[in-house]
C-alpha atoms as a PDB file:
ATOM      1  CA  MET A   1      15.059  -7.038   7.465  1.00  0.00           C
ATOM      2  CA  ALA A   2      18.478  -6.291   8.990  1.00  0.00           C
ATOM      3  CA  GLY A   3      19.977  -3.635  11.258  1.00  0.00           C
ATOM      4  CA  ARG A   4      18.928  -2.249  14.623  1.00  0.00           C
ATOM      5  CA  ASN A   5      17.036   0.815  13.394  1.00  0.00           C
ATOM      6  CA  ALA A   6      15.275  -1.015  10.560  1.00  0.00           C
ATOM      7  CA  VAL A   7      14.262  -3.927  12.780  1.00  0.00           C
ATOM      8  CA  LEU A   8      13.031  -1.664  15.559  1.00  0.00           C
ATOM      9  CA  GLU A   9      10.996   0.508  13.167  1.00  0.00           C
ATOM     10  CA  SER A  10       9.452  -2.617  11.645  1.00  0.00           C
ATOM     11  CA  LEU A  11       8.438  -3.956  15.039  1.00  0.00           C
ATOM     12  CA  ARG A  12       6.986  -0.582  16.036  1.00  0.00           C
ATOM     13  CA  ALA A  13       4.935  -0.625  12.813  1.00  0.00           C
ATOM     14  CA  SER A  14       3.593  -4.114  13.635  1.00  0.00           C
ATOM     15  CA  VAL A  15       5.167  -5.693  10.570  1.00  0.00           C
ATOM     16  CA  PRO A  16       4.127  -9.374  10.739  1.00  0.00           C
ATOM     17  CA  ALA A  17       7.253 -11.383  11.470  1.00  0.00           C
ATOM     18  CA  GLN A  18       8.120 -15.020  11.944  1.00  0.00           C
ATOM     19  CA  ALA A  19      11.108 -14.544  14.244  1.00  0.00           C
ATOM     20  CA  LEU A  20      13.559 -12.017  15.652  1.00  0.00           C
ATOM     21  CA  HIS A  21      17.129 -13.286  15.391  1.00  0.00           C
ATOM     22  CA  VAL A  22      19.587 -11.837  17.903  1.00  0.00           C
ATOM     23  CA  GLY A  23      23.348 -12.256  17.687  1.00  0.00           C
ATOM     24  CA  PRO A  24      25.670 -13.131  20.581  1.00  0.00           C
ATOM     25  CA  ARG A  25      27.666 -10.721  22.752  1.00  0.00           C
ATOM     26  CA  LEU A  26      25.978  -7.535  21.557  1.00  0.00           C
ATOM     27  CA  ASP A  27      27.137  -4.197  22.900  1.00  0.00           C
ATOM     28  CA  PRO A  28      24.747  -2.408  25.260  1.00  0.00           C
ATOM     29  CA  ASP A  29      22.089  -0.678  23.156  1.00  0.00           C
ATOM     30  CA  GLU A  30      18.571   0.225  24.264  1.00  0.00           C
ATOM     31  CA  ARG A  31      17.318  -0.500  20.738  1.00  0.00           C
ATOM     32  CA  ILE A  32      18.097  -4.180  21.221  1.00  0.00           C
ATOM     33  CA  GLY A  33      16.175  -4.342  24.475  1.00  0.00           C
ATOM     34  CA  GLU A  34      13.183  -2.547  22.971  1.00  0.00           C
ATOM     35  CA  ALA A  35      13.215  -4.817  19.904  1.00  0.00           C
ATOM     36  CA  ILE A  36      13.239  -7.936  22.080  1.00  0.00           C
ATOM     37  CA  LYS A  37      10.405  -6.576  24.250  1.00  0.00           C
ATOM     38  CA  LEU A  38       8.272  -5.607  21.236  1.00  0.00           C
ATOM     39  CA  ALA A  39       8.811  -9.012  19.671  1.00  0.00           C
ATOM     40  CA  ALA A  40       7.937 -10.824  22.899  1.00  0.00           C
ATOM     41  CA  ASP A  41       4.818  -8.688  23.408  1.00  0.00           C
ATOM     42  CA  ALA A  42       3.696  -9.479  19.848  1.00  0.00           C
ATOM     43  CA  GLY A  43       4.285 -13.204  20.292  1.00  0.00           C
ATOM     44  CA  ILE A  44       7.203 -13.243  17.847  1.00  0.00           C
ATOM     45  CA  PRO A  45       9.824 -15.861  18.768  1.00  0.00           C
ATOM     46  CA  VAL A  46      13.199 -14.416  19.784  1.00  0.00           C
ATOM     47  CA  VAL A  47      15.986 -16.704  18.592  1.00  0.00           C
ATOM     48  CA  GLU A  48      19.712 -16.536  19.341  1.00  0.00           C
ATOM     49  CA  ALA A  49      21.829 -16.718  16.198  1.00  0.00           C
ATOM     50  CA  GLY A  50      25.541 -16.804  15.477  1.00  0.00           C
ATOM     51  CA  ARG A  51      27.228 -14.151  13.362  1.00  0.00           C
ATOM     52  CA  SER A  52      27.712 -16.521  10.412  1.00  0.00           C
ATOM     53  CA  GLU A  53      24.048 -17.475  10.533  1.00  0.00           C
ATOM     54  CA  LEU A  54      22.995 -13.818  10.559  1.00  0.00           C
ATOM     55  CA  ASP A  55      25.361 -13.079   7.671  1.00  0.00           C
ATOM     56  CA  ARG A  56      23.802 -15.877   5.652  1.00  0.00           C
ATOM     57  CA  MET A  57      20.257 -14.954   6.586  1.00  0.00           C
ATOM     58  CA  THR A  58      20.685 -11.297   5.604  1.00  0.00           C
ATOM     59  CA  GLY A  59      22.745 -11.909   2.478  1.00  0.00           C
ATOM     60  CA  GLY A  60      25.775 -10.182   3.922  1.00  0.00           C
ATOM     61  CA  ALA A  61      23.933  -6.975   4.848  1.00  0.00           C
ATOM     62  CA  VAL A  62      25.024  -4.893   7.846  1.00  0.00           C
ATOM     63  CA  HIS A  63      22.772  -6.447  10.482  1.00  0.00           C
ATOM     64  CA  GLN A  64      24.416  -5.173  13.724  1.00  0.00           C
ATOM     65  CA  GLY A  65      23.376  -8.408  15.389  1.00  0.00           C
ATOM     66  CA  LEU A  66      19.637  -8.081  14.673  1.00  0.00           C
ATOM     67  CA  ALA A  67      17.555  -9.583  11.895  1.00  0.00           C
ATOM     68  CA  LEU A  68      13.782  -9.862  11.535  1.00  0.00           C
ATOM     69  CA  ARG A  69      12.298 -12.617   9.390  1.00  0.00           C
ATOM     70  CA  ILE A  70       9.135 -11.248   7.732  1.00  0.00           C
ATOM     71  CA  ARG A  71       6.119 -13.397   6.924  1.00  0.00           C
ATOM     72  CA  PRO A  72       5.275 -13.689   3.203  1.00  0.00           C
ATOM     73  CA  TYR A  73       2.280 -11.488   2.440  1.00  0.00           C
ATOM     74  CA  ALA A  74      -0.916 -13.280   1.374  1.00  0.00           C
ATOM     75  CA  TYR A  75      -2.295 -11.218  -1.517  1.00  0.00           C
ATOM     76  CA  ALA A  76      -6.021 -11.124  -2.135  1.00  0.00           C
ATOM     77  CA  HIS A  77      -7.729 -11.831  -5.459  1.00  0.00           C
ATOM     78  CA  PRO A  78      -9.179  -8.753  -7.248  1.00  0.00           C
ATOM     79  CA  GLU A  79     -12.713 -10.138  -6.746  1.00  0.00           C
ATOM     80  CA  ASP A  80     -12.118 -10.251  -2.988  1.00  0.00           C
ATOM     81  CA  LEU A  81     -12.096  -6.448  -2.872  1.00  0.00           C
ATOM     82  CA  THR A  82     -15.588  -6.118  -4.347  1.00  0.00           C
ATOM     83  CA  ALA A  83     -16.785  -8.911  -2.061  1.00  0.00           C
ATOM     84  CA  THR A  84     -15.587  -6.859   0.926  1.00  0.00           C
ATOM     85  CA  ALA A  85     -17.805  -3.960  -0.156  1.00  0.00           C
ATOM     86  CA  SER A  86     -20.757  -6.283  -0.686  1.00  0.00           C
ATOM     87  CA  VAL A  87     -20.481  -7.646   2.842  1.00  0.00           C
ATOM     88  CA  SER A  88     -20.187  -4.120   4.253  1.00  0.00           C
ATOM     89  CA  GLY A  89     -23.223  -2.944   2.317  1.00  0.00           C
ATOM     90  CA  HIS A  90     -21.680   0.032   0.529  1.00  0.00           C
ATOM     91  CA  GLU A  91     -20.654   0.843  -3.029  1.00  0.00           C
ATOM     92  CA  PRO A  92     -17.182  -0.515  -3.798  1.00  0.00           C
ATOM     93  CA  LEU A  93     -14.280   1.918  -3.687  1.00  0.00           C
ATOM     94  CA  ILE A  94     -10.967   0.468  -4.815  1.00  0.00           C
ATOM     95  CA  VAL A  95      -7.620   2.102  -5.580  1.00  0.00           C
ATOM     96  CA  ALA A  96      -5.602   0.583  -8.437  1.00  0.00           C
ATOM     97  CA  LEU A  97      -1.935   1.458  -8.938  1.00  0.00           C
ATOM     98  CA  ASP A  98      -0.392   1.707 -12.397  1.00  0.00           C
ATOM     99  CA  GLY A  99       3.410   1.759 -12.471  1.00  0.00           C
ATOM    100  CA  ILE A 100       4.028   2.456  -8.774  1.00  0.00           C
ATOM    101  CA  THR A 101       7.397   0.854  -8.023  1.00  0.00           C
ATOM    102  CA  ASP A 102       8.309   2.346  -4.630  1.00  0.00           C
ATOM    103  CA  PRO A 103       7.015   0.192  -1.740  1.00  0.00           C
ATOM    104  CA  ARG A 104       6.821   3.312   0.439  1.00  0.00           C
ATOM    105  CA  ASN A 105       4.280   4.796  -1.965  1.00  0.00           C
ATOM    106  CA  LEU A 106       2.257   1.582  -1.806  1.00  0.00           C
ATOM    107  CA  GLY A 107       2.310   1.771   1.985  1.00  0.00           C
ATOM    108  CA  ALA A 108       1.227   5.414   1.920  1.00  0.00           C
ATOM    109  CA  VAL A 109      -1.660   4.597  -0.431  1.00  0.00           C
ATOM    110  CA  VAL A 110      -2.778   1.785   1.875  1.00  0.00           C
ATOM    111  CA  ARG A 111      -2.743   4.229   4.775  1.00  0.00           C
ATOM    112  CA  SER A 112      -5.030   6.605   2.864  1.00  0.00           C
ATOM    113  CA  VAL A 113      -7.320   3.728   1.878  1.00  0.00           C
ATOM    114  CA  ALA A 114      -7.644   2.781   5.540  1.00  0.00           C
ATOM    115  CA  ALA A 115      -8.307   6.382   6.578  1.00  0.00           C
ATOM    116  CA  PHE A 116     -11.220   6.832   4.160  1.00  0.00           C
ATOM    117  CA  GLY A 117     -12.748   3.375   4.446  1.00  0.00           C
ATOM    118  CA  ALA A 118     -12.046   2.172   0.910  1.00  0.00           C
ATOM    119  CA  ASP A 119     -12.079  -1.539   0.171  1.00  0.00           C
ATOM    120  CA  GLY A 120      -8.518  -2.241  -0.864  1.00  0.00           C
ATOM    121  CA  VAL A 121      -5.689  -1.713  -3.289  1.00  0.00           C
ATOM    122  CA  LEU A 122      -5.116  -3.471  -6.603  1.00  0.00           C
ATOM    123  CA  ILE A 123      -1.598  -3.835  -8.013  1.00  0.00           C
ATOM    124  CA  PRO A 124      -0.190  -5.721 -11.001  1.00  0.00           C
ATOM    125  CA  VAL A 125       2.172  -8.622 -10.441  1.00  0.00           C
ATOM    126  CA  ARG A 126       4.900  -7.194 -12.681  1.00  0.00           C
ATOM    127  CA  ARG A 127       6.596  -3.785 -12.661  1.00  0.00           C
ATOM    128  CA  SER A 128       4.976  -2.819  -9.399  1.00  0.00           C
ATOM    129  CA  ALA A 129       5.906  -2.371  -5.785  1.00  0.00           C
ATOM    130  CA  GLY A 130       4.841  -5.248  -3.565  1.00  0.00           C
ATOM    131  CA  VAL A 131       4.097  -5.596   0.117  1.00  0.00           C
ATOM    132  CA  THR A 132       7.573  -5.470   1.640  1.00  0.00           C
ATOM    133  CA  ALA A 133       8.851  -4.378   5.029  1.00  0.00           C
ATOM    134  CA  GLY A 134       9.185  -0.877   3.560  1.00  0.00           C
ATOM    135  CA  ALA A 135       5.526  -0.874   2.552  1.00  0.00           C
ATOM    136  CA  TRP A 136       4.526  -2.079   6.027  1.00  0.00           C
ATOM    137  CA  LYS A 137       6.464   0.734   7.684  1.00  0.00           C
ATOM    138  CA  ALA A 138       5.023   3.399   5.374  1.00  0.00           C
ATOM    139  CA  SER A 139       1.502   2.124   6.010  1.00  0.00           C
ATOM    140  CA  ALA A 140       1.953   2.669   9.770  1.00  0.00           C
ATOM    141  CA  GLY A 141       0.260  -0.668  10.393  1.00  0.00           C
ATOM    142  CA  ALA A 142      -2.670  -0.051   8.012  1.00  0.00           C
ATOM    143  CA  LEU A 143      -1.691  -3.120   5.987  1.00  0.00           C
ATOM    144  CA  ALA A 144      -3.063  -5.172   8.852  1.00  0.00           C
ATOM    145  CA  ARG A 145      -6.544  -3.777   8.018  1.00  0.00           C
ATOM    146  CA  VAL A 146      -6.459  -3.156   4.257  1.00  0.00           C
ATOM    147  CA  ARG A 147      -6.280  -5.918   1.673  1.00  0.00           C
ATOM    148  CA  VAL A 148      -3.920  -5.694  -1.290  1.00  0.00           C
ATOM    149  CA  ALA A 149      -4.863  -7.727  -4.347  1.00  0.00           C
ATOM    150  CA  GLN A 150      -2.532  -8.732  -7.163  1.00  0.00           C
ATOM    151  CA  ALA A 151      -3.552  -9.111 -10.784  1.00  0.00           C
ATOM    152  CA  PRO A 152      -1.447 -10.876 -13.421  1.00  0.00           C
ATOM    153  CA  ASN A 153      -2.659  -8.213 -15.856  1.00  0.00           C
ATOM    154  CA  LEU A 154      -3.924  -4.856 -14.571  1.00  0.00           C
ATOM    155  CA  ALA A 155      -5.799  -4.002 -17.772  1.00  0.00           C
ATOM    156  CA  ARG A 156      -7.743  -7.265 -17.701  1.00  0.00           C
ATOM    157  CA  ALA A 157      -8.541  -6.827 -14.014  1.00  0.00           C
ATOM    158  CA  LEU A 158      -9.938  -3.344 -14.700  1.00  0.00           C
ATOM    159  CA  THR A 159     -12.001  -4.778 -17.574  1.00  0.00           C
ATOM    160  CA  ALA A 160     -13.412  -7.393 -15.203  1.00  0.00           C
ATOM    161  CA  TYR A 161     -14.289  -4.665 -12.688  1.00  0.00           C
ATOM    162  CA  ALA A 162     -16.015  -2.665 -15.439  1.00  0.00           C
ATOM    163  CA  GLU A 163     -17.992  -5.735 -16.524  1.00  0.00           C
ATOM    164  CA  ALA A 164     -19.065  -6.156 -12.897  1.00  0.00           C
ATOM    165  CA  GLY A 165     -20.517  -2.643 -12.934  1.00  0.00           C
ATOM    166  CA  LEU A 166     -17.702  -0.553 -11.466  1.00  0.00           C
ATOM    167  CA  PHE A 167     -16.716   2.771 -12.998  1.00  0.00           C
ATOM    168  CA  VAL A 168     -13.004   3.127 -13.727  1.00  0.00           C
ATOM    169  CA  VAL A 169     -11.684   6.631 -13.078  1.00  0.00           C
ATOM    170  CA  GLY A 170      -8.093   7.644 -13.693  1.00  0.00           C
ATOM    171  CA  LEU A 171      -6.141  10.477 -12.100  1.00  0.00           C
ATOM    172  CA  ASP A 172      -4.065  12.500 -14.545  1.00  0.00           C
ATOM    173  CA  ALA A 173      -2.591  15.974 -14.217  1.00  0.00           C
ATOM    174  CA  GLY A 174      -3.539  16.775 -17.831  1.00  0.00           C
ATOM    175  CA  ALA A 175      -7.261  16.065 -17.408  1.00  0.00           C
ATOM    176  CA  SER A 176      -9.842  18.796 -17.932  1.00  0.00           C
ATOM    177  CA  ASP A 177     -12.130  18.038 -14.996  1.00  0.00           C
ATOM    178  CA  ASP A 178     -11.311  18.162 -11.300  1.00  0.00           C
ATOM    179  CA  VAL A 179     -11.812  15.165  -9.054  1.00  0.00           C
ATOM    180  CA  GLY A 180     -14.052  17.359  -6.886  1.00  0.00           C
ATOM    181  CA  SER A 181     -16.640  17.491  -9.676  1.00  0.00           C
ATOM    182  CA  LEU A 182     -16.645  13.744 -10.372  1.00  0.00           C
ATOM    183  CA  GLU A 183     -20.247  12.758 -11.101  1.00  0.00           C
ATOM    184  CA  LEU A 184     -19.452   9.041 -10.805  1.00  0.00           C
ATOM    185  CA  ALA A 185     -18.364   9.300  -7.173  1.00  0.00           C
ATOM    186  CA  ASP A 186     -21.655   7.932  -5.809  1.00  0.00           C
ATOM    187  CA  GLY A 187     -21.348   4.725  -7.799  1.00  0.00           C
ATOM    188  CA  PRO A 188     -19.079   1.682  -7.511  1.00  0.00           C
ATOM    189  CA  LEU A 189     -15.656   3.059  -8.254  1.00  0.00           C
ATOM    190  CA  VAL A 190     -12.067   2.152  -9.073  1.00  0.00           C
ATOM    191  CA  LEU A 191      -9.612   5.039  -8.765  1.00  0.00           C
ATOM    192  CA  VAL A 192      -6.515   4.422 -10.876  1.00  0.00           C
ATOM    193  CA  ILE A 193      -3.357   6.254  -9.880  1.00  0.00           C
ATOM    194  CA  GLY A 194      -0.271   6.349 -12.072  1.00  0.00           C
ATOM    195  CA  SER A 195       3.348   6.934 -11.202  1.00  0.00           C
ATOM    196  CA  GLU A 196       4.678  10.347 -10.306  1.00  0.00           C
ATOM    197  CA  GLY A 197       5.969  12.034 -13.448  1.00  0.00           C
ATOM    198  CA  LYS A 198       4.802   9.430 -15.992  1.00  0.00           C
ATOM    199  CA  GLY A 199       1.185   9.286 -14.902  1.00  0.00           C
ATOM    200  CA  LEU A 200      -1.157   6.658 -16.330  1.00  0.00           C
ATOM    201  CA  SER A 201       0.019   4.349 -19.078  1.00  0.00           C
ATOM    202  CA  ARG A 202      -1.795   4.804 -22.394  1.00  0.00           C
ATOM    203  CA  LEU A 203      -3.492   1.388 -22.265  1.00  0.00           C
ATOM    204  CA  ILE A 204      -4.846   1.979 -18.760  1.00  0.00           C
ATOM    205  CA  ALA A 205      -5.974   5.534 -19.565  1.00  0.00           C
ATOM    206  CA  GLN A 206      -7.975   4.204 -22.525  1.00  0.00           C
ATOM    207  CA  GLN A 207      -9.892   1.901 -20.200  1.00  0.00           C
ATOM    208  CA  CYS A 208     -11.068   4.700 -17.924  1.00  0.00           C
ATOM    209  CA  ASP A 209     -14.680   5.874 -18.015  1.00  0.00           C
ATOM    210  CA  ALA A 210     -13.417   9.271 -16.890  1.00  0.00           C
ATOM    211  CA  VAL A 211     -10.080  10.939 -16.240  1.00  0.00           C
ATOM    212  CA  VAL A 212      -9.845  13.692 -13.639  1.00  0.00           C
ATOM    213  CA  LYS A 213      -7.131  15.789 -12.078  1.00  0.00           C
ATOM    214  CA  ILE A 214      -6.227  17.121  -8.679  1.00  0.00           C
ATOM    215  CA  PRO A 215      -5.954  20.892  -9.130  1.00  0.00           C
ATOM    216  CA  ILE A 216      -2.653  22.211  -7.823  1.00  0.00           C
ATOM    217  CA  SER A 217      -1.249  25.709  -8.179  1.00  0.00           C
ATOM    218  CA  GLY A 218       2.434  24.846  -8.293  1.00  0.00           C
ATOM    219  CA  ALA A 219       4.567  22.998 -10.812  1.00  0.00           C
ATOM    220  CA  GLU A 220       5.259  20.058  -8.479  1.00  0.00           C
ATOM    221  CA  SER A 221       3.724  16.661  -9.139  1.00  0.00           C
ATOM    222  CA  LEU A 222       2.101  14.625  -6.378  1.00  0.00           C
ATOM    223  CA  ASN A 223       3.322  11.198  -5.367  1.00  0.00           C
ATOM    224  CA  ALA A 224       0.869   8.318  -5.288  1.00  0.00           C
ATOM    225  CA  GLY A 225       0.301   8.408  -1.540  1.00  0.00           C
ATOM    226  CA  VAL A 226      -0.621  12.101  -1.495  1.00  0.00           C
ATOM    227  CA  ALA A 227      -2.738  11.809  -4.648  1.00  0.00           C
ATOM    228  CA  ALA A 228      -4.657   8.864  -3.214  1.00  0.00           C
ATOM    229  CA  GLY A 229      -5.356  10.721   0.019  1.00  0.00           C
ATOM    230  CA  ILE A 230      -6.688  13.827  -1.749  1.00  0.00           C
ATOM    231  CA  ALA A 231      -8.774  11.859  -4.253  1.00  0.00           C
ATOM    232  CA  LEU A 232     -10.295   9.592  -1.601  1.00  0.00           C
ATOM    233  CA  TYR A 233     -11.147  12.619   0.536  1.00  0.00           C
ATOM    234  CA  GLN A 234     -12.917  14.233  -2.404  1.00  0.00           C
ATOM    235  CA  VAL A 235     -14.842  11.056  -3.187  1.00  0.00           C
ATOM    236  CA  SER A 236     -15.869  10.690   0.448  1.00  0.00           C
ATOM    237  CA  MET A 237     -17.122  14.290   0.442  1.00  0.00           C
ATOM    238  CA  LEU A 238     -19.088  13.754  -2.754  1.00  0.00           C
ATOM    239  CA  ARG A 239     -20.617  10.533  -1.419  1.00  0.00           C
ATOM    240  CA  ALA A 240     -21.612  12.410   1.721  1.00  0.00           C
ATOM    241  CA  GLY A 241     -23.338  15.062  -0.421  1.00  0.00           C
ATOM    242  CA  GLY A 242     -20.806  17.814   0.174  1.00  0.00           C
ATOM    243  CA  ARG A 243     -18.089  19.464  -1.794  1.00  0.00           C
ATOM    244  CA  GLY A 244     -14.384  19.396  -0.865  1.00  0.00           C
END
């Protein structure tokens, strides 16, 4: 992570970092002072670095004398997400992402998962956004509380969830039924969200026990973060015995 604004935003969002690297003879800028203070308060080492070292560390990016070294994210196993629900004593509620490649969308989904008390997010290893600094920023720190699991094969992971008793429900704009009428909401649930525009892949859609839509009046499609928030709200209402 390089550049004064990017580094400062990452530190404000509590992105887990290994070190803040600060170049020599920087011009007066309150962003530098705030970045150093935030790093020190969070226990992140502040290290002086030469310009050549910063250039090498950031791959030649415009760093403006600041670079933040991010810790590698420790992904969970798909089974860890159902174990979390078991410990908490509630029916599992997991969000799986199919074809989401923008880390900001992943971060937004994680934020919605945290807001509605779901158990985590499942993503495939390939052709998917991962937990990057951009995802951390979009999650507004929620990644510190929500686990993200990676599966080598999303279809197989969903099959394993189904064999463990979870219902797999996909969101698709072309579905007949609304998410607000989902009869499976009270049970152990995996909500599968596809990419904006393309929606669910055919293989994943075939694995769903039900496919529902979010009713919208306009022609615009919803990105994954917004769709996850609306769907999780509806499920939480249904589980509480109400209607959204």
